[in-house]
Structure formats: C-alpha cells, structure tokens
PDB file of N, CA and C in Angstrom:
ATOM      1  N   MET A   1     127.183-137.378 -10.543  1.00  0.00           N
ATOM      2  CA  MET A   1     127.600-138.258  -9.170  1.00  0.00           C
ATOM      3  C   MET A   1     128.124-139.380  -9.514  1.00  0.00           C
ATOM      4  N   GLN A   2     129.795-139.583  -8.952  1.00  0.00           N
ATOM      5  CA  GLN A   2     130.652-140.944  -9.375  1.00  0.00           C
ATOM      6  C   GLN A   2     129.835-141.897  -8.340  1.00  0.00           C
ATOM      7  N   HIS A   3     129.688-143.114  -8.737  1.00  0.00           N
ATOM      8  CA  HIS A   3     129.284-144.382  -8.017  1.00  0.00           C
ATOM      9  C   HIS A   3     130.712-145.033  -7.340  1.00  0.00           C
ATOM     10  N   ARG A   4     130.490-144.970  -6.246  1.00  0.00           N
ATOM     11  CA  ARG A   4     131.604-145.330  -5.580  1.00  0.00           C
ATOM     12  C   ARG A   4     131.258-146.790  -4.482  1.00  0.00           C
ATOM     13  N   ASN A   5     132.276-147.724  -4.349  1.00  0.00           N
ATOM     14  CA  ASN A   5     131.686-148.653  -3.536  1.00  0.00           C
ATOM     15  C   ASN A   5     131.787-148.230  -1.759  1.00  0.00           C
ATOM     16  N   PRO A   6     130.729-148.364  -1.120  1.00  0.00           N
ATOM     17  CA  PRO A   6     130.587-148.082   0.080  1.00  0.00           C
ATOM     18  C   PRO A   6     132.101-148.586   1.243  1.00  0.00           C
ATOM     19  N   ILE A   7     131.856-149.803   0.776  1.00  0.00           N
ATOM     20  CA  ILE A   7     132.812-150.777   1.771  1.00  0.00           C
ATOM     21  C   ILE A   7     134.017-150.137   1.388  1.00  0.00           C
ATOM     22  N   MET A   8     134.894-149.860   0.338  1.00  0.00           N
ATOM     23  CA  MET A   8     136.016-149.324  -0.090  1.00  0.00           C
ATOM     24  C   MET A   8     136.078-147.737   0.484  1.00  0.00           C
ATOM     25  N   VAL A   9     134.794-146.822   0.841  1.00  0.00           N
ATOM     26  CA  VAL A   9     134.887-145.484   1.342  1.00  0.00           C
ATOM     27  C   VAL A   9     135.504-145.806   2.699  1.00  0.00           C
ATOM     28  N   ILE A  10     135.137-146.966   3.625  1.00  0.00           N
ATOM     29  CA  ILE A  10     135.358-147.367   4.599  1.00  0.00           C
ATOM     30  C   ILE A  10     136.928-148.295   4.593  1.00  0.00           C
ATOM     31  N   PHE A  11     136.772-148.748   4.161  1.00  0.00           N
ATOM     32  CA  PHE A  11     138.257-149.421   4.117  1.00  0.00           C
ATOM     33  C   PHE A  11     139.505-148.515   3.884  1.00  0.00           C
ATOM     34  N   LEU A  12     139.408-147.457   2.775  1.00  0.00           N
ATOM     35  CA  LEU A  12     140.310-146.477   2.350  1.00  0.00           C
ATOM     36  C   LEU A  12     140.394-145.438   3.696  1.00  0.00           C
ATOM     37  N   SER A  13     139.527-144.997   4.121  1.00  0.00           N
ATOM     38  CA  SER A  13     139.520-144.333   5.268  1.00  0.00           C
ATOM     39  C   SER A  13     140.241-144.703   6.350  1.00  0.00           C
ATOM     40  N   LEU A  14     139.880-145.834   6.656  1.00  0.00           N
ATOM     41  CA  LEU A  14     140.915-146.891   7.707  1.00  0.00           C
ATOM     42  C   LEU A  14     142.344-146.915   7.502  1.00  0.00           C
ATOM     43  N   ILE A  15     142.764-147.280   6.281  1.00  0.00           N
ATOM     44  CA  ILE A  15     144.035-147.617   5.964  1.00  0.00           C
ATOM     45  C   ILE A  15     144.886-146.407   5.793  1.00  0.00           C
ATOM     46  N   THR A  16     144.161-145.164   5.226  1.00  0.00           N
ATOM     47  CA  THR A  16     144.893-143.860   5.348  1.00  0.00           C
ATOM     48  C   THR A  16     144.731-143.332   6.332  1.00  0.00           C
ATOM     49  N   LEU A  17     144.388-143.547   7.389  1.00  0.00           N
ATOM     50  CA  LEU A  17     143.782-142.887   8.626  1.00  0.00           C
ATOM     51  C   LEU A  17     143.255-141.867   8.385  1.00  0.00           C
ATOM     52  N   GLY A  18     142.284-141.856   7.899  1.00  0.00           N
ATOM     53  CA  GLY A  18     141.528-140.533   7.699  1.00  0.00           C
ATOM     54  C   GLY A  18     141.692-139.586   6.477  1.00  0.00           C
ATOM     55  N   ILE A  19     142.493-139.742   5.970  1.00  0.00           N
ATOM     56  CA  ILE A  19     142.734-138.735   4.657  1.00  0.00           C
ATOM     57  C   ILE A  19     141.945-138.958   3.584  1.00  0.00           C
ATOM     58  N   TYR A  20     141.713-140.384   3.489  1.00  0.00           N
ATOM     59  CA  TYR A  20     140.736-140.552   2.496  1.00  0.00           C
ATOM     60  C   TYR A  20     139.334-140.062   2.491  1.00  0.00           C
ATOM     61  N   ALA A  21     138.862-139.810   3.902  1.00  0.00           N
ATOM     62  CA  ALA A  21     137.546-139.291   4.318  1.00  0.00           C
ATOM     63  C   ALA A  21     137.412-138.012   3.812  1.00  0.00           C
ATOM     64  N   LEU A  22     138.675-136.955   3.711  1.00  0.00           N
ATOM     65  CA  LEU A  22     138.935-135.633   3.789  1.00  0.00           C
ATOM     66  C   LEU A  22     138.760-135.791   2.188  1.00  0.00           C
ATOM     67  N   VAL A  23     139.030-136.385   1.416  1.00  0.00           N
ATOM     68  CA  VAL A  23     139.240-136.384  -0.084  1.00  0.00           C
ATOM     69  C   VAL A  23     138.067-136.845  -0.614  1.00  0.00           C
ATOM     70  N   TRP A  24     137.158-138.203   0.080  1.00  0.00           N
ATOM     71  CA  TRP A  24     135.906-138.189  -0.462  1.00  0.00           C
ATOM     72  C   TRP A  24     134.793-136.923   0.030  1.00  0.00           C
ATOM     73  N   SER A  25     135.032-136.240   1.103  1.00  0.00           N
ATOM     74  CA  SER A  25     134.259-135.575   1.752  1.00  0.00           C
ATOM     75  C   SER A  25     134.300-134.161   0.474  1.00  0.00           C
ATOM     76  N   VAL A  26     135.410-133.775  -0.018  1.00  0.00           N
ATOM     77  CA  VAL A  26     135.667-132.812  -0.858  1.00  0.00           C
ATOM     78  C   VAL A  26     135.075-133.271  -2.276  1.00  0.00           C
ATOM     79  N   ARG A  27     135.543-134.623  -3.218  1.00  0.00           N
ATOM     80  CA  ARG A  27     134.946-134.702  -4.073  1.00  0.00           C
ATOM     81  C   ARG A  27     133.387-134.938  -4.614  1.00  0.00           C
ATOM     82  N   THR A  28     133.098-135.478  -2.969  1.00  0.00           N
ATOM     83  CA  THR A  28     131.368-135.494  -3.230  1.00  0.00           C
ATOM     84  C   THR A  28     130.877-134.458  -2.968  1.00  0.00           C
ATOM     85  N   LYS A  29     131.308-133.058  -1.991  1.00  0.00           N
ATOM     86  CA  LYS A  29     130.789-131.970  -2.020  1.00  0.00           C
ATOM     87  C   LYS A  29     130.976-131.118  -3.465  1.00  0.00           C
ATOM     88  N   ASP A  30     131.781-131.538  -4.236  1.00  0.00           N
ATOM     89  CA  ASP A  30     132.058-130.987  -5.586  1.00  0.00           C
ATOM     90  C   ASP A  30     130.930-131.435  -6.723  1.00  0.00           C
ATOM     91  N   GLU A  31     130.614-132.613  -6.772  1.00  0.00           N
ATOM     92  CA  GLU A  31     129.877-133.659  -7.119  1.00  0.00           C
ATOM     93  C   GLU A  31     128.424-133.031  -7.051  1.00  0.00           C
ATOM     94  N   MET A  32     127.941-132.788  -5.681  1.00  0.00           N
ATOM     95  CA  MET A  32     126.848-132.445  -5.200  1.00  0.00           C
ATOM     96  C   MET A  32     126.474-130.770  -5.641  1.00  0.00           C
ATOM     97  N   ASN A  33     127.620-130.048  -5.289  1.00  0.00           N
ATOM     98  CA  ASN A  33     127.593-128.602  -5.788  1.00  0.00           C
ATOM     99  C   ASN A  33     126.910-128.722  -7.210  1.00  0.00           C
ATOM    100  N   ALA A  34     127.291-129.342  -7.876  1.00  0.00           N
ATOM    101  CA  ALA A  34     127.050-129.164  -9.638  1.00  0.00           C
ATOM    102  C   ALA A  34     125.691-129.617  -9.745  1.00  0.00           C
ATOM    103  N   LYS A  35     125.126-130.609  -8.908  1.00  0.00           N
ATOM    104  CA  LYS A  35     123.905-131.094  -8.773  1.00  0.00           C
ATOM    105  C   LYS A  35     122.765-130.094  -8.176  1.00  0.00           C
ATOM    106  N   GLY A  36     123.219-128.827  -7.644  1.00  0.00           N
ATOM    107  CA  GLY A  36     122.368-127.831  -6.811  1.00  0.00           C
ATOM    108  C   GLY A  36     122.463-127.848  -5.678  1.00  0.00           C
ATOM    109  N   ALA A  37     123.480-128.156  -4.901  1.00  0.00           N
ATOM    110  CA  ALA A  37     123.895-128.058  -3.584  1.00  0.00           C
ATOM    111  C   ALA A  37     124.588-127.061  -3.421  1.00  0.00           C
ATOM    112  N   GLN A  38     124.478-126.479  -2.270  1.00  0.00           N
ATOM    113  CA  GLN A  38     125.243-125.256  -1.897  1.00  0.00           C
ATOM    114  C   GLN A  38     126.184-125.210  -0.674  1.00  0.00           C
ATOM    115  N   ILE A  39     127.460-126.161  -0.895  1.00  0.00           N
ATOM    116  CA  ILE A  39     128.065-126.477   0.088  1.00  0.00           C
ATOM    117  C   ILE A  39     129.254-125.609   0.021  1.00  0.00           C
ATOM    118  N   PRO A  40     129.627-124.908   1.138  1.00  0.00           N
ATOM    119  CA  PRO A  40     130.942-123.925   0.966  1.00  0.00           C
ATOM    120  C   PRO A  40     132.241-124.780   0.892  1.00  0.00           C
ATOM    121  N   THR A  41     133.211-124.193   0.793  1.00  0.00           N
ATOM    122  CA  THR A  41     134.398-124.301   0.625  1.00  0.00           C
ATOM    123  C   THR A  41     135.050-125.623   1.652  1.00  0.00           C
ATOM    124  N   ALA A  42     135.628-126.457   1.441  1.00  0.00           N
ATOM    125  CA  ALA A  42     135.907-127.784   2.385  1.00  0.00           C
ATOM    126  C   ALA A  42     137.194-127.083   3.375  1.00  0.00           C
ATOM    127  N   TRP A  43     137.464-126.057   2.856  1.00  0.00           N
ATOM    128  CA  TRP A  43     138.668-125.432   4.240  1.00  0.00           C
ATOM    129  C   TRP A  43     137.865-125.153   5.270  1.00  0.00           C
ATOM    130  N   LEU A  44     136.774-125.188   5.368  1.00  0.00           N
ATOM    131  CA  LEU A  44     135.876-125.085   6.527  1.00  0.00           C
ATOM    132  C   LEU A  44     136.152-126.073   7.526  1.00  0.00           C
ATOM    133  N   LEU A  45     136.613-126.997   6.842  1.00  0.00           N
ATOM    134  CA  LEU A  45     136.554-128.751   7.817  1.00  0.00           C
ATOM    135  C   LEU A  45     137.616-128.437   8.648  1.00  0.00           C
ATOM    136  N   ILE A  46     138.807-127.794   8.764  1.00  0.00           N
ATOM    137  CA  ILE A  46     139.853-127.801   9.507  1.00  0.00           C
ATOM    138  C   ILE A  46     140.042-126.539  10.561  1.00  0.00           C
ATOM    139  N   ILE A  47     138.680-125.628  10.444  1.00  0.00           N
ATOM    140  CA  ILE A  47     138.477-124.826  11.575  1.00  0.00           C
ATOM    141  C   ILE A  47     137.534-125.349  12.860  1.00  0.00           C
ATOM    142  N   PRO A  48     138.071-125.674  14.094  1.00  0.00           N
ATOM    143  CA  PRO A  48     137.077-126.089  15.358  1.00  0.00           C
ATOM    144  C   PRO A  48     135.842-125.344  15.263  1.00  0.00           C
ATOM    145  N   PHE A  49     134.975-126.344  15.755  1.00  0.00           N
ATOM    146  CA  PHE A  49     133.480-125.954  15.507  1.00  0.00           C
ATOM    147  C   PHE A  49     132.806-125.082  14.318  1.00  0.00           C
ATOM    148  N   VAL A  50     133.310-124.867  13.332  1.00  0.00           N
ATOM    149  CA  VAL A  50     132.912-124.161  12.134  1.00  0.00           C
ATOM    150  C   VAL A  50     132.558-125.450  11.155  1.00  0.00           C
ATOM    151  N   ASN A  51     133.819-126.412  11.453  1.00  0.00           N
ATOM    152  CA  ASN A  51     133.168-127.977  10.698  1.00  0.00           C
ATOM    153  C   ASN A  51     132.300-128.308  11.143  1.00  0.00           C
ATOM    154  N   TYR A  52     131.582-128.189  12.042  1.00  0.00           N
ATOM    155  CA  TYR A  52     130.336-128.567  12.136  1.00  0.00           C
ATOM    156  C   TYR A  52     129.096-127.853  11.689  1.00  0.00           C
ATOM    157  N   PHE A  53     129.514-126.472  11.235  1.00  0.00           N
ATOM    158  CA  PHE A  53     128.450-125.854  10.621  1.00  0.00           C
ATOM    159  C   PHE A  53     128.752-126.392   8.934  1.00  0.00           C
ATOM    160  N   TRP A  54     130.084-126.660   8.290  1.00  0.00           N
ATOM    161  CA  TRP A  54     130.002-127.260   7.403  1.00  0.00           C
ATOM    162  C   TRP A  54     130.103-128.915   7.133  1.00  0.00           C
ATOM    163  N   LEU A  55     129.796-129.487   8.326  1.00  0.00           N
ATOM    164  CA  LEU A  55     129.062-130.748   8.051  1.00  0.00           C
ATOM    165  C   LEU A  55     127.495-130.914   7.783  1.00  0.00           C
ATOM    166  N   TRP A  56     126.824-129.558   8.408  1.00  0.00           N
ATOM    167  CA  TRP A  56     125.504-129.344   8.307  1.00  0.00           C
ATOM    168  C   TRP A  56     124.993-129.002   6.984  1.00  0.00           C
ATOM    169  N   LYS A  57     126.161-128.249   6.644  1.00  0.00           N
ATOM    170  CA  LYS A  57     125.450-127.655   5.048  1.00  0.00           C
ATOM    171  C   LYS A  57     125.808-128.961   3.977  1.00  0.00           C
ATOM    172  N   PHE A  58     126.733-129.823   4.555  1.00  0.00           N
ATOM    173  CA  PHE A  58     126.752-131.089   3.370  1.00  0.00           C
ATOM    174  C   PHE A  58     126.004-131.932   3.666  1.00  0.00           C
ATOM    175  N   SER A  59     125.286-131.911   4.767  1.00  0.00           N
ATOM    176  CA  SER A  59     123.749-132.748   4.876  1.00  0.00           C
ATOM    177  C   SER A  59     122.991-132.486   4.394  1.00  0.00           C
ATOM    178  N   GLU A  60     122.775-130.926   4.102  1.00  0.00           N
ATOM    179  CA  GLU A  60     121.431-130.011   3.421  1.00  0.00           C
ATOM    180  C   GLU A  60     121.905-130.242   1.887  1.00  0.00           C
ATOM    181  N   GLY A  61     123.133-130.828   1.563  1.00  0.00           N
ATOM    182  CA  GLY A  61     123.374-130.836  -0.229  1.00  0.00           C
ATOM    183  C   GLY A  61     122.712-132.301  -0.123  1.00  0.00           C
ATOM    184  N   VAL A  62     123.143-133.372   0.727  1.00  0.00           N
ATOM    185  CA  VAL A  62     122.618-134.693   0.385  1.00  0.00           C
ATOM    186  C   VAL A  62     121.770-134.670   0.136  1.00  0.00           C
ATOM    187  N   GLU A  63     120.924-134.016   1.247  1.00  0.00           N
ATOM    188  CA  GLU A  63     119.205-133.828   1.039  1.00  0.00           C
ATOM    189  C   GLU A  63     118.539-133.171  -0.532  1.00  0.00           C
ATOM    190  N   VAL A  64     119.166-132.723  -0.962  1.00  0.00           N
ATOM    191  CA  VAL A  64     118.928-131.890  -1.976  1.00  0.00           C
ATOM    192  C   VAL A  64     119.151-132.679  -3.283  1.00  0.00           C
ATOM    193  N   VAL A  65     120.293-133.442  -3.091  1.00  0.00           N
ATOM    194  CA  VAL A  65     120.807-134.455  -4.168  1.00  0.00           C
ATOM    195  C   VAL A  65     119.849-135.661  -4.379  1.00  0.00           C
ATOM    196  N   THR A  66     119.653-136.167  -3.173  1.00  0.00           N
ATOM    197  CA  THR A  66     118.960-137.302  -2.913  1.00  0.00           C
ATOM    198  C   THR A  66     117.083-137.107  -3.221  1.00  0.00           C
ATOM    199  N   SER A  67     116.669-135.736  -3.397  1.00  0.00           N
ATOM    200  CA  SER A  67     115.370-135.371  -3.602  1.00  0.00           C
ATOM    201  C   SER A  67     114.574-135.924  -2.023  1.00  0.00           C
ATOM    202  N   LYS A  68     115.195-135.639  -1.091  1.00  0.00           N
ATOM    203  CA  LYS A  68     114.724-135.784   0.136  1.00  0.00           C
ATOM    204  C   LYS A  68     114.541-137.102   0.786  1.00  0.00           C
ATOM    205  N   LYS A  69     115.091-138.139  -0.004  1.00  0.00           N
ATOM    206  CA  LYS A  69     115.074-139.758   0.063  1.00  0.00           C
ATOM    207  C   LYS A  69     116.044-139.721   1.706  1.00  0.00           C
ATOM    208  N   MET A  70     116.984-138.876   1.675  1.00  0.00           N
ATOM    209  CA  MET A  70     117.698-138.831   2.972  1.00  0.00           C
ATOM    210  C   MET A  70     117.761-137.365   3.429  1.00  0.00           C
ATOM    211  N   GLY A  71     117.039-137.210   4.852  1.00  0.00           N
ATOM    212  CA  GLY A  71     117.199-135.744   5.041  1.00  0.00           C
ATOM    213  C   GLY A  71     118.371-135.487   5.561  1.00  0.00           C
ATOM    214  N   ALA A  72     118.629-134.191   5.868  1.00  0.00           N
ATOM    215  CA  ALA A  72     119.529-133.359   6.340  1.00  0.00           C
ATOM    216  C   ALA A  72     120.332-134.081   7.737  1.00  0.00           C
ATOM    217  N   GLY A  73     118.847-134.040   8.746  1.00  0.00           N
ATOM    218  CA  GLY A  73     119.216-134.128   9.749  1.00  0.00           C
ATOM    219  C   GLY A  73     119.768-135.863   9.903  1.00  0.00           C
ATOM    220  N   VAL A  74     119.372-136.973   9.311  1.00  0.00           N
ATOM    221  CA  VAL A  74     119.707-138.265   9.302  1.00  0.00           C
ATOM    222  C   VAL A  74     121.053-138.204   8.892  1.00  0.00           C
ATOM    223  N   ALA A  75     121.345-137.413   7.711  1.00  0.00           N
ATOM    224  CA  ALA A  75     122.736-137.621   7.039  1.00  0.00           C
ATOM    225  C   ALA A  75     123.891-137.024   8.175  1.00  0.00           C
ATOM    226  N   PHE A  76     123.421-135.756   8.698  1.00  0.00           N
ATOM    227  CA  PHE A  76     124.397-135.112   9.852  1.00  0.00           C
ATOM    228  C   PHE A  76     124.437-136.090  10.826  1.00  0.00           C
ATOM    229  N   CYS A  77     123.714-136.538  11.575  1.00  0.00           N
ATOM    230  CA  CYS A  77     123.711-137.739  12.722  1.00  0.00           C
ATOM    231  C   CYS A  77     124.577-138.593  12.122  1.00  0.00           C
ATOM    232  N   LEU A  78     124.126-139.470  10.909  1.00  0.00           N
ATOM    233  CA  LEU A  78     125.238-140.281  10.314  1.00  0.00           C
ATOM    234  C   LEU A  78     126.363-140.095  10.791  1.00  0.00           C
ATOM    235  N   GLN A  79     126.980-138.838  10.018  1.00  0.00           N
ATOM    236  CA  GLN A  79     128.167-138.567  10.035  1.00  0.00           C
ATOM    237  C   GLN A  79     129.092-138.261  11.434  1.00  0.00           C
ATOM    238  N   PHE A  80     127.955-137.425  12.139  1.00  0.00           N
ATOM    239  CA  PHE A  80     128.886-137.226  13.437  1.00  0.00           C
ATOM    240  C   PHE A  80     128.614-138.189  14.296  1.00  0.00           C
ATOM    241  N   PHE A  81     127.889-139.470  14.319  1.00  0.00           N
ATOM    242  CA  PHE A  81     127.853-140.235  15.276  1.00  0.00           C
ATOM    243  C   PHE A  81     128.530-141.452  14.782  1.00  0.00           C
ATOM    244  N   LEU A  82     128.723-141.940  13.670  1.00  0.00           N
ATOM    245  CA  LEU A  82     129.138-142.855  12.643  1.00  0.00           C
ATOM    246  C   LEU A  82     130.464-142.720  12.152  1.00  0.00           C
ATOM    247  N   GLY A  83     130.687-141.477  11.858  1.00  0.00           N
ATOM    248  CA  GLY A  83     132.063-141.090  11.075  1.00  0.00           C
ATOM    249  C   GLY A  83     131.959-141.855   9.545  1.00  0.00           C
ATOM    250  N   VAL A  84     132.907-142.839   9.430  1.00  0.00           N
ATOM    251  CA  VAL A  84     133.190-143.388   8.236  1.00  0.00           C
ATOM    252  C   VAL A  84     131.875-144.452   8.160  1.00  0.00           C
ATOM    253  N   ILE A  85     131.513-144.848   9.098  1.00  0.00           N
ATOM    254  CA  ILE A  85     130.231-146.092   8.759  1.00  0.00           C
ATOM    255  C   ILE A  85     129.571-145.356   7.941  1.00  0.00           C
ATOM    256  N   GLY A  86     129.065-143.905   8.888  1.00  0.00           N
ATOM    257  CA  GLY A  86     127.805-142.751   8.226  1.00  0.00           C
ATOM    258  C   GLY A  86     128.315-142.475   6.824  1.00  0.00           C
ATOM    259  N   MET A  87     129.508-142.224   6.558  1.00  0.00           N
ATOM    260  CA  MET A  87     129.723-141.971   5.361  1.00  0.00           C
ATOM    261  C   MET A  87     129.445-143.030   4.337  1.00  0.00           C
ATOM    262  N   ALA A  88     129.696-143.810   4.531  1.00  0.00           N
ATOM    263  CA  ALA A  88     129.455-145.278   3.593  1.00  0.00           C
ATOM    264  C   ALA A  88     127.881-145.409   3.278  1.00  0.00           C
ATOM    265  N   ILE A  89     127.037-145.131   4.489  1.00  0.00           N
ATOM    266  CA  ILE A  89     125.741-145.254   4.146  1.00  0.00           C
ATOM    267  C   ILE A  89     125.118-144.025   3.362  1.00  0.00           C
ATOM    268  N   ILE A  90     125.937-142.808   3.325  1.00  0.00           N
ATOM    269  CA  ILE A  90     125.302-141.635   2.758  1.00  0.00           C
ATOM    270  C   ILE A  90     125.955-142.131   1.363  1.00  0.00           C
ATOM    271  N   GLN A  91     127.270-142.797   0.843  1.00  0.00           N
ATOM    272  CA  GLN A  91     127.506-142.960  -0.417  1.00  0.00           C
ATOM    273  C   GLN A  91     126.778-144.212  -1.087  1.00  0.00           C
ATOM    274  N   ASP A  92     126.094-144.830   0.176  1.00  0.00           N
ATOM    275  CA  ASP A  92     125.139-145.648  -0.621  1.00  0.00           C
ATOM    276  C   ASP A  92     123.805-145.484  -1.181  1.00  0.00           C
ATOM    277  N   LYS A  93     123.394-144.052  -0.583  1.00  0.00           N
ATOM    278  CA  LYS A  93     122.117-143.431  -0.810  1.00  0.00           C
ATOM    279  C   LYS A  93     122.478-142.464  -2.283  1.00  0.00           C
ATOM    280  N   LEU A  94     123.890-142.299  -2.057  1.00  0.00           N
ATOM    281  CA  LEU A  94     124.012-141.214  -3.449  1.00  0.00           C
ATOM    282  C   LEU A  94     124.430-141.934  -4.637  1.00  0.00           C
ATOM    283  N   ASN A  95     124.620-143.355  -4.506  1.00  0.00           N
ATOM    284  CA  ASN A  95     125.154-144.367  -5.512  1.00  0.00           C
ATOM    285  C   ASN A  95     123.685-144.648  -6.115  1.00  0.00           C
ATOM    286  N   GLN A  96     122.504-144.486  -5.493  1.00  0.00           N
ATOM    287  CA  GLN A  96     121.225-144.846  -6.090  1.00  0.00           C
ATOM    288  C   GLN A  96     120.780-143.986  -6.712  1.00  0.00           C
ATOM    289  N   VAL A  97     120.946-142.494  -6.574  1.00  0.00           N
ATOM    290  CA  VAL A  97     120.836-141.265  -7.321  1.00  0.00           C
ATOM    291  C   VAL A  97     121.791-141.073  -8.534  1.00  0.00           C
ATOM    292  N   ALA A  98     122.851-141.812  -8.637  1.00  0.00           N
ATOM    293  CA  ALA A  98     124.063-141.381  -9.409  1.00  0.00           C
ATOM    294  C   ALA A  98     123.493-141.727 -10.676  1.00  0.00           C
ATOM    295  N   THR A  99     124.014-141.226 -11.856  1.00  0.00           N
ATOM    296  CA  THR A  99     123.638-141.046 -13.114  1.00  0.00           C
ATOM    297  C   THR A  99     124.782-141.405 -14.008  1.00  0.00           C
TER     298      THR A  99
END
C-alpha cells in the first residue's frame, strides 16, 4: 500500500471537483486487490445504484487489508455519509498497515 497524506486526499478531491476521489478509489482498489481483497472493476462506479454495491465491495477490501481493524460497515458508512472526509479516515487506517 502506498502511503498518502489524508489531508491531501481531501484537498486534492476538493480542488479537482471530485476527479482525484475517483483516481484515489481506483488506485487504492488496485493496491488492495494486490493484498488479497476482491474488489471488482471500478467501471461500476459510474452506474447508478450499482456504485453502492461497488462501494460495499471496496469496504470489504478495507476490512481484509486492515485485518479487521476497520470493519466493512464502518468503511461503507464513512464513505457514504462523509464522502472525501471518510476517504481520508480510511486512508489514515490504510497508512497504518502500509509496508
């Protein structure tokens, strides 16, 4: 896992009007899949309602990579309700397990 500054995740997402949030999601998905998660293709993000399924699978990947230090339900709620702030919290947790 690549170490990223959580504050920069928020800042870049806001400055680029959400484009960096998509880039972060795809790059983080690839890194988590390399660590054993099973997250489907990020193309599902652009399909309405299916993106919630993808978000859940991403959250399950966070749970796998962090060895259940952050549960899938918590990760899902963080991203669903807090958006880029939730992404920054998840990035902070991923930084703790980054090697």
